[in-house]
PDB file of N, CA and C in Angstrom:
ATOM      1  N   MET A   1      -3.778 -11.074  -6.728  1.00  0.00           N
ATOM      2  CA  MET A   1      -5.222 -10.703  -7.114  1.00  0.00           C
ATOM      3  C   MET A   1      -5.591  -9.504  -6.493  1.00  0.00           C
ATOM      4  N   THR A   2      -6.431  -8.840  -6.983  1.00  0.00           N
ATOM      5  CA  THR A   2      -7.076  -7.519  -6.343  1.00  0.00           C
ATOM      6  C   THR A   2      -8.511  -7.732  -6.375  1.00  0.00           C
ATOM      7  N   GLU A   3      -9.097  -6.950  -5.287  1.00  0.00           N
ATOM      8  CA  GLU A   3     -10.557  -7.360  -4.840  1.00  0.00           C
ATOM      9  C   GLU A   3     -11.027  -5.829  -5.064  1.00  0.00           C
ATOM     10  N   LEU A   4     -12.302  -5.717  -5.655  1.00  0.00           N
ATOM     11  CA  LEU A   4     -12.904  -4.351  -5.691  1.00  0.00           C
ATOM     12  C   LEU A   4     -13.943  -4.105  -4.355  1.00  0.00           C
ATOM     13  N   ILE A   5     -13.555  -3.387  -3.511  1.00  0.00           N
ATOM     14  CA  ILE A   5     -14.293  -3.197  -2.513  1.00  0.00           C
ATOM     15  C   ILE A   5     -14.861  -1.497  -2.177  1.00  0.00           C
ATOM     16  N   ASP A   6     -15.959  -1.196  -2.510  1.00  0.00           N
ATOM     17  CA  ASP A   6     -16.526   0.153  -2.293  1.00  0.00           C
ATOM     18  C   ASP A   6     -16.316   0.929  -3.303  1.00  0.00           C
ATOM     19  N   GLY A   7     -15.587   0.287  -4.564  1.00  0.00           N
ATOM     20  CA  GLY A   7     -15.184   1.114  -5.374  1.00  0.00           C
ATOM     21  C   GLY A   7     -13.539   1.380  -5.525  1.00  0.00           C
ATOM     22  N   ILE A   8     -13.044   0.651  -4.554  1.00  0.00           N
ATOM     23  CA  ILE A   8     -11.594   1.059  -4.341  1.00  0.00           C
ATOM     24  C   ILE A   8     -10.885  -0.527  -4.587  1.00  0.00           C
ATOM     25  N   GLU A   9      -9.733  -0.454  -5.226  1.00  0.00           N
ATOM     26  CA  GLU A   9      -9.039  -1.719  -5.681  1.00  0.00           C
ATOM     27  C   GLU A   9      -7.978  -2.007  -4.249  1.00  0.00           C
ATOM     28  N   TYR A  10      -8.108  -3.276  -3.815  1.00  0.00           N
ATOM     29  CA  TYR A  10      -7.413  -3.593  -2.498  1.00  0.00           C
ATOM     30  C   TYR A  10      -6.561  -5.022  -3.087  1.00  0.00           C
ATOM     31  N   LEU A  11      -5.471  -4.975  -2.364  1.00  0.00           N
ATOM     32  CA  LEU A  11      -4.705  -6.252  -2.397  1.00  0.00           C
ATOM     33  C   LEU A  11      -4.828  -6.748  -0.864  1.00  0.00           C
ATOM     34  N   SER A  12      -4.563  -8.132  -0.695  1.00  0.00           N
ATOM     35  CA  SER A  12      -4.490  -8.478   0.605  1.00  0.00           C
ATOM     36  C   SER A  12      -3.140  -8.299   0.879  1.00  0.00           C
ATOM     37  N   ALA A  13      -2.723  -8.266   2.405  1.00  0.00           N
ATOM     38  CA  ALA A  13      -1.478  -7.925   2.907  1.00  0.00           C
ATOM     39  C   ALA A  13      -0.628  -9.085   2.341  1.00  0.00           C
ATOM     40  N   ALA A  14      -0.845 -10.546   2.156  1.00  0.00           N
ATOM     41  CA  ALA A  14       0.046 -11.352   1.636  1.00  0.00           C
ATOM     42  C   ALA A  14       0.532 -11.029   0.309  1.00  0.00           C
ATOM     43  N   ALA A  15      -0.584 -10.590  -0.834  1.00  0.00           N
ATOM     44  CA  ALA A  15      -0.431 -10.094  -2.022  1.00  0.00           C
ATOM     45  C   ALA A  15       0.570  -9.057  -2.105  1.00  0.00           C
ATOM     46  N   ALA A  16       0.261  -7.968  -1.373  1.00  0.00           N
ATOM     47  CA  ALA A  16       1.226  -6.767  -1.109  1.00  0.00           C
ATOM     48  C   ALA A  16       2.671  -7.148  -0.764  1.00  0.00           C
ATOM     49  N   ALA A  17       2.547  -8.217   0.252  1.00  0.00           N
ATOM     50  CA  ALA A  17       4.188  -8.609   0.316  1.00  0.00           C
ATOM     51  C   ALA A  17       4.867  -9.091  -0.822  1.00  0.00           C
ATOM     52  N   ARG A  18       4.150 -10.094  -1.434  1.00  0.00           N
ATOM     53  CA  ARG A  18       4.642 -10.540  -2.667  1.00  0.00           C
ATOM     54  C   ARG A  18       4.921  -9.481  -3.796  1.00  0.00           C
ATOM     55  N   GLU A  19       4.230  -8.617  -3.884  1.00  0.00           N
ATOM     56  CA  GLU A  19       4.413  -7.412  -4.847  1.00  0.00           C
ATOM     57  C   GLU A  19       5.729  -6.622  -4.388  1.00  0.00           C
ATOM     58  N   LEU A  20       6.062  -6.400  -3.155  1.00  0.00           N
ATOM     59  CA  LEU A  20       7.133  -5.698  -2.795  1.00  0.00           C
ATOM     60  C   LEU A  20       8.269  -6.680  -2.258  1.00  0.00           C
ATOM     61  N   ALA A  21       8.106  -7.904  -2.449  1.00  0.00           N
ATOM     62  CA  ALA A  21       9.111  -8.586  -2.093  1.00  0.00           C
ATOM     63  C   ALA A  21       9.627  -8.542  -0.846  1.00  0.00           C
ATOM     64  N   THR A  22       8.604  -8.457   0.336  1.00  0.00           N
ATOM     65  CA  THR A  22       8.780  -8.613   1.504  1.00  0.00           C
ATOM     66  C   THR A  22       7.955  -9.323   2.326  1.00  0.00           C
ATOM     67  N   THR A  23       7.678  -9.240   3.616  1.00  0.00           N
ATOM     68  CA  THR A  23       7.074  -9.928   4.430  1.00  0.00           C
ATOM     69  C   THR A  23       5.682  -9.255   4.881  1.00  0.00           C
ATOM     70  N   GLU A  24       4.573 -10.054   5.083  1.00  0.00           N
ATOM     71  CA  GLU A  24       3.289  -9.489   5.740  1.00  0.00           C
ATOM     72  C   GLU A  24       3.506  -8.655   6.802  1.00  0.00           C
ATOM     73  N   MET A  25       4.418  -8.884   7.730  1.00  0.00           N
ATOM     74  CA  MET A  25       4.734  -8.129   8.835  1.00  0.00           C
ATOM     75  C   MET A  25       5.252  -6.608   8.473  1.00  0.00           C
ATOM     76  N   LYS A  26       6.039  -6.718   7.499  1.00  0.00           N
ATOM     77  CA  LYS A  26       6.808  -5.429   7.007  1.00  0.00           C
ATOM     78  C   LYS A  26       5.626  -4.589   6.199  1.00  0.00           C
ATOM     79  N   ILE A  27       4.421  -5.275   5.669  1.00  0.00           N
ATOM     80  CA  ILE A  27       3.322  -4.653   5.029  1.00  0.00           C
ATOM     81  C   ILE A  27       2.460  -3.798   6.410  1.00  0.00           C
ATOM     82  N   LEU A  28       2.303  -4.752   7.185  1.00  0.00           N
ATOM     83  CA  LEU A  28       1.493  -4.220   8.589  1.00  0.00           C
ATOM     84  C   LEU A  28       2.114  -3.000   8.935  1.00  0.00           C
ATOM     85  N   MET A  29       3.727  -3.105   9.273  1.00  0.00           N
ATOM     86  CA  MET A  29       4.398  -2.047   9.838  1.00  0.00           C
ATOM     87  C   MET A  29       4.119  -0.665   8.906  1.00  0.00           C
ATOM     88  N   LEU A  30       4.178  -0.643   7.767  1.00  0.00           N
ATOM     89  CA  LEU A  30       4.074   0.083   6.636  1.00  0.00           C
ATOM     90  C   LEU A  30       2.906   0.834   6.753  1.00  0.00           C
ATOM     91  N   LEU A  31       1.533  -0.094   7.298  1.00  0.00           N
ATOM     92  CA  LEU A  31       0.225   0.368   7.118  1.00  0.00           C
ATOM     93  C   LEU A  31       0.278   1.265   8.413  1.00  0.00           C
ATOM     94  N   LYS A  32       0.805   0.605   9.436  1.00  0.00           N
ATOM     95  CA  LYS A  32       0.909   1.594  10.640  1.00  0.00           C
ATOM     96  C   LYS A  32       1.338   2.914  10.646  1.00  0.00           C
ATOM     97  N   LYS A  33       2.402   3.116   9.956  1.00  0.00           N
ATOM     98  CA  LYS A  33       3.349   4.213   9.931  1.00  0.00           C
ATOM     99  C   LYS A  33       2.613   4.971   8.778  1.00  0.00           C
ATOM    100  N   GLY A  34       1.769   4.649   8.024  1.00  0.00           N
ATOM    101  CA  GLY A  34       0.990   5.544   7.336  1.00  0.00           C
ATOM    102  C   GLY A  34       1.823   5.474   5.633  1.00  0.00           C
ATOM    103  N   ALA A  35       2.629   4.738   5.422  1.00  0.00           N
ATOM    104  CA  ALA A  35       3.335   4.746   4.150  1.00  0.00           C
ATOM    105  C   ALA A  35       2.447   4.021   2.998  1.00  0.00           C
ATOM    106  N   LEU A  36       1.499   2.880   3.584  1.00  0.00           N
ATOM    107  CA  LEU A  36       0.619   2.432   2.599  1.00  0.00           C
ATOM    108  C   LEU A  36      -0.635   2.778   3.399  1.00  0.00           C
ATOM    109  N   LYS A  37      -1.706   2.905   2.566  1.00  0.00           N
ATOM    110  CA  LYS A  37      -3.070   2.905   3.147  1.00  0.00           C
ATOM    111  C   LYS A  37      -3.600   1.615   2.740  1.00  0.00           C
ATOM    112  N   GLY A  38      -4.593   1.414   3.721  1.00  0.00           N
ATOM    113  CA  GLY A  38      -5.223   0.020   3.838  1.00  0.00           C
ATOM    114  C   GLY A  38      -6.357   0.081   4.945  1.00  0.00           C
ATOM    115  N   GLU A  39      -7.108  -1.158   4.866  1.00  0.00           N
ATOM    116  CA  GLU A  39      -8.137  -1.296   5.966  1.00  0.00           C
ATOM    117  C   GLU A  39      -8.207  -2.678   6.460  1.00  0.00           C
ATOM    118  N   MET A  40      -8.443  -2.788   7.634  1.00  0.00           N
ATOM    119  CA  MET A  40      -8.864  -4.245   8.225  1.00  0.00           C
ATOM    120  C   MET A  40     -10.368  -4.563   7.495  1.00  0.00           C
ATOM    121  N   ILE A  41     -10.406  -5.651   6.881  1.00  0.00           N
ATOM    122  CA  ILE A  41     -11.597  -6.045   6.488  1.00  0.00           C
ATOM    123  C   ILE A  41     -12.129  -7.497   6.772  1.00  0.00           C
ATOM    124  N   ASP A  42     -13.157  -7.768   7.576  1.00  0.00           N
ATOM    125  CA  ASP A  42     -13.304  -9.168   8.074  1.00  0.00           C
ATOM    126  C   ASP A  42     -12.158  -9.796   8.886  1.00  0.00           C
ATOM    127  N   GLY A  43     -11.497  -8.964   9.731  1.00  0.00           N
ATOM    128  CA  GLY A  43     -10.372  -9.596  10.364  1.00  0.00           C
ATOM    129  C   GLY A  43      -9.088  -9.757   9.463  1.00  0.00           C
ATOM    130  N   SER A  44      -8.824  -9.215   8.386  1.00  0.00           N
ATOM    131  CA  SER A  44      -7.867  -9.500   7.446  1.00  0.00           C
ATOM    132  C   SER A  44      -7.407  -7.933   7.148  1.00  0.00           C
ATOM    133  N   TRP A  45      -6.057  -7.825   6.843  1.00  0.00           N
ATOM    134  CA  TRP A  45      -5.604  -6.499   6.324  1.00  0.00           C
ATOM    135  C   TRP A  45      -5.543  -6.419   4.834  1.00  0.00           C
ATOM    136  N   PHE A  46      -5.954  -5.367   4.087  1.00  0.00           N
ATOM    137  CA  PHE A  46      -5.979  -5.213   2.680  1.00  0.00           C
ATOM    138  C   PHE A  46      -5.236  -3.694   2.594  1.00  0.00           C
ATOM    139  N   VAL A  47      -4.471  -3.767   1.414  1.00  0.00           N
ATOM    140  CA  VAL A  47      -3.727  -2.615   0.996  1.00  0.00           C
ATOM    141  C   VAL A  47      -4.220  -2.072  -0.173  1.00  0.00           C
ATOM    142  N   THR A  48      -4.408  -0.552  -0.410  1.00  0.00           N
ATOM    143  CA  THR A  48      -5.127  -0.187  -1.625  1.00  0.00           C
ATOM    144  C   THR A  48      -4.182  -0.261  -2.661  1.00  0.00           C
ATOM    145  N   ALA A  49      -4.572  -0.666  -3.654  1.00  0.00           N
ATOM    146  CA  ALA A  49      -3.659  -0.882  -4.941  1.00  0.00           C
ATOM    147  C   ALA A  49      -3.051   0.555  -5.456  1.00  0.00           C
ATOM    148  N   ALA A  50      -3.696   1.570  -5.167  1.00  0.00           N
ATOM    149  CA  ALA A  50      -3.262   2.862  -5.583  1.00  0.00           C
ATOM    150  C   ALA A  50      -1.945   3.140  -4.600  1.00  0.00           C
ATOM    151  N   SER A  51      -2.070   2.844  -3.328  1.00  0.00           N
ATOM    152  CA  SER A  51      -0.909   3.126  -2.488  1.00  0.00           C
ATOM    153  C   SER A  51       0.072   2.374  -2.566  1.00  0.00           C
ATOM    154  N   LEU A  52      -0.116   1.224  -2.841  1.00  0.00           N
ATOM    155  CA  LEU A  52       1.036   0.026  -3.328  1.00  0.00           C
ATOM    156  C   LEU A  52       1.742   0.684  -4.454  1.00  0.00           C
ATOM    157  N   SER A  53       1.153   1.036  -5.570  1.00  0.00           N
ATOM    158  CA  SER A  53       1.679   1.399  -6.663  1.00  0.00           C
ATOM    159  C   SER A  53       2.571   2.766  -6.585  1.00  0.00           C
ATOM    160  N   CYS A  54       2.291   3.527  -5.714  1.00  0.00           N
ATOM    161  CA  CYS A  54       2.970   4.766  -5.382  1.00  0.00           C
ATOM    162  C   CYS A  54       4.036   4.426  -4.383  1.00  0.00           C
ATOM    163  N   TYR A  55       3.881   3.364  -3.495  1.00  0.00           N
ATOM    164  CA  TYR A  55       5.058   3.186  -2.624  1.00  0.00           C
ATOM    165  C   TYR A  55       6.410   3.099  -3.235  1.00  0.00           C
ATOM    166  N   ASP A  56       7.483   3.723  -2.576  1.00  0.00           N
ATOM    167  CA  ASP A  56       8.852   3.501  -3.067  1.00  0.00           C
ATOM    168  C   ASP A  56       9.505   2.785  -1.860  1.00  0.00           C
ATOM    169  N   PRO A  57       9.968   1.689  -2.034  1.00  0.00           N
ATOM    170  CA  PRO A  57      10.536   0.833  -0.949  1.00  0.00           C
ATOM    171  C   PRO A  57      11.950   1.433  -0.687  1.00  0.00           C
ATOM    172  N   SER A  58      12.673   2.015  -1.478  1.00  0.00           N
ATOM    173  CA  SER A  58      14.039   2.664  -1.377  1.00  0.00           C
ATOM    174  C   SER A  58      13.901   3.870  -0.753  1.00  0.00           C
ATOM    175  N   SER A  59      12.735   4.560  -0.463  1.00  0.00           N
ATOM    176  CA  SER A  59      12.912   5.701  -0.006  1.00  0.00           C
ATOM    177  C   SER A  59      13.155   5.519   1.482  1.00  0.00           C
ATOM    178  N   THR A  60      14.093   6.377   2.032  1.00  0.00           N
ATOM    179  CA  THR A  60      14.527   6.497   3.447  1.00  0.00           C
ATOM    180  C   THR A  60      13.758   7.627   4.254  1.00  0.00           C
ATOM    181  N   SER A  61      12.890   8.373   3.781  1.00  0.00           N
ATOM    182  CA  SER A  61      12.161   9.477   4.286  1.00  0.00           C
ATOM    183  C   SER A  61      11.545   8.945   5.336  1.00  0.00           C
ATOM    184  N   PRO A  62      11.725   9.514   6.705  1.00  0.00           N
ATOM    185  CA  PRO A  62      10.813   9.314   7.966  1.00  0.00           C
ATOM    186  C   PRO A  62       9.444   9.609   7.883  1.00  0.00           C
ATOM    187  N   GLU A  63       9.056  10.433   6.877  1.00  0.00           N
ATOM    188  CA  GLU A  63       7.873  10.833   6.940  1.00  0.00           C
ATOM    189  C   GLU A  63       6.672   9.788   6.602  1.00  0.00           C
ATOM    190  N   ALA A  64       5.526   9.982   7.286  1.00  0.00           N
ATOM    191  CA  ALA A  64       4.437   8.894   7.042  1.00  0.00           C
ATOM    192  C   ALA A  64       3.816   8.936   5.776  1.00  0.00           C
ATOM    193  N   ASP A  65       3.933   9.986   5.023  1.00  0.00           N
ATOM    194  CA  ASP A  65       3.174  10.018   3.660  1.00  0.00           C
ATOM    195  C   ASP A  65       3.904   9.139   2.792  1.00  0.00           C
ATOM    196  N   PRO A  66       3.012   8.486   1.712  1.00  0.00           N
ATOM    197  CA  PRO A  66       3.753   7.683   0.709  1.00  0.00           C
ATOM    198  C   PRO A  66       4.620   8.366  -0.101  1.00  0.00           C
ATOM    199  N   SER A  67       5.645   7.588  -0.470  1.00  0.00           N
ATOM    200  CA  SER A  67       6.707   8.090  -1.377  1.00  0.00           C
ATOM    201  C   SER A  67       6.389   7.927  -2.712  1.00  0.00           C
ATOM    202  N   CYS A  68       6.494   8.684  -3.745  1.00  0.00           N
ATOM    203  CA  CYS A  68       5.752   8.500  -4.878  1.00  0.00           C
ATOM    204  C   CYS A  68       7.001   7.969  -5.898  1.00  0.00           C
ATOM    205  N   ARG A  69       6.747   7.122  -6.677  1.00  0.00           N
ATOM    206  CA  ARG A  69       7.396   6.627  -7.770  1.00  0.00           C
ATOM    207  C   ARG A  69       7.278   7.832  -8.831  1.00  0.00           C
ATOM    208  N   THR A  70       8.256   7.904  -9.569  1.00  0.00           N
ATOM    209  CA  THR A  70       8.124   8.753 -10.797  1.00  0.00           C
ATOM    210  C   THR A  70       7.093   8.191 -11.828  1.00  0.00           C
ATOM    211  N   SER A  71       6.946   6.986 -11.766  1.00  0.00           N
ATOM    212  CA  SER A  71       5.934   6.322 -12.758  1.00  0.00           C
ATOM    213  C   SER A  71       4.688   6.313 -12.123  1.00  0.00           C
ATOM    214  N   CYS A  72       4.331   6.853 -11.000  1.00  0.00           N
ATOM    215  CA  CYS A  72       3.065   6.568 -10.416  1.00  0.00           C
ATOM    216  C   CYS A  72       1.987   7.478 -11.044  1.00  0.00           C
ATOM    217  N   LYS A  73       1.019   6.961 -11.599  1.00  0.00           N
ATOM    218  CA  LYS A  73      -0.087   7.588 -12.369  1.00  0.00           C
ATOM    219  C   LYS A  73      -1.524   7.503 -11.562  1.00  0.00           C
ATOM    220  N   ALA A  74      -1.523   7.062 -10.172  1.00  0.00           N
ATOM    221  CA  ALA A  74      -2.743   6.959  -9.374  1.00  0.00           C
ATOM    222  C   ALA A  74      -2.830   8.246  -8.810  1.00  0.00           C
ATOM    223  N   SER A  75      -4.381   8.917  -8.855  1.00  0.00           N
ATOM    224  CA  SER A  75      -4.500  10.081  -8.395  1.00  0.00           C
ATOM    225  C   SER A  75      -4.736   9.820  -6.861  1.00  0.00           C
ATOM    226  N   SER A  76      -5.350   8.623  -6.565  1.00  0.00           N
ATOM    227  CA  SER A  76      -6.000   8.356  -5.292  1.00  0.00           C
ATOM    228  C   SER A  76      -4.836   7.967  -4.147  1.00  0.00           C
ATOM    229  N   CYS A  77      -3.627   8.042  -4.458  1.00  0.00           N
ATOM    230  CA  CYS A  77      -2.626   7.739  -3.572  1.00  0.00           C
ATOM    231  C   CYS A  77      -2.309   8.861  -2.600  1.00  0.00           C
ATOM    232  N   GLY A  78      -2.605   9.976  -2.909  1.00  0.00           N
ATOM    233  CA  GLY A  78      -2.051  11.220  -2.174  1.00  0.00           C
ATOM    234  C   GLY A  78      -0.889  11.899  -2.547  1.00  0.00           C
ATOM    235  N   CYS A  79      -0.392  11.315  -3.688  1.00  0.00           N
ATOM    236  CA  CYS A  79       1.013  11.894  -3.983  1.00  0.00           C
ATOM    237  C   CYS A  79       1.120  12.855  -5.222  1.00  0.00           C
ATOM    238  N   HIS A  80      -0.294  13.299  -5.468  1.00  0.00           N
ATOM    239  CA  HIS A  80      -0.349  14.203  -6.637  1.00  0.00           C
ATOM    240  C   HIS A  80      -1.147  15.274  -6.201  1.00  0.00           C
TER     241      HIS A  80
END
């Protein structure tokens, strides 16, 4: 389930973890590395839906920038 905050679509860290079939801890690590974009809101971490749709979990790139899937169409994830 997504939430619209200040015009930006977010998913909770738990929802993002389910989306990527991983753990919340991995999502937090990806946020810290800059591989995903998000914010802490009211004490909980949220991931932008755009960065999640652009994230490529198979990427082995050490860069902090999100790796774009070829099917990514989000203009706000930084990969365009």
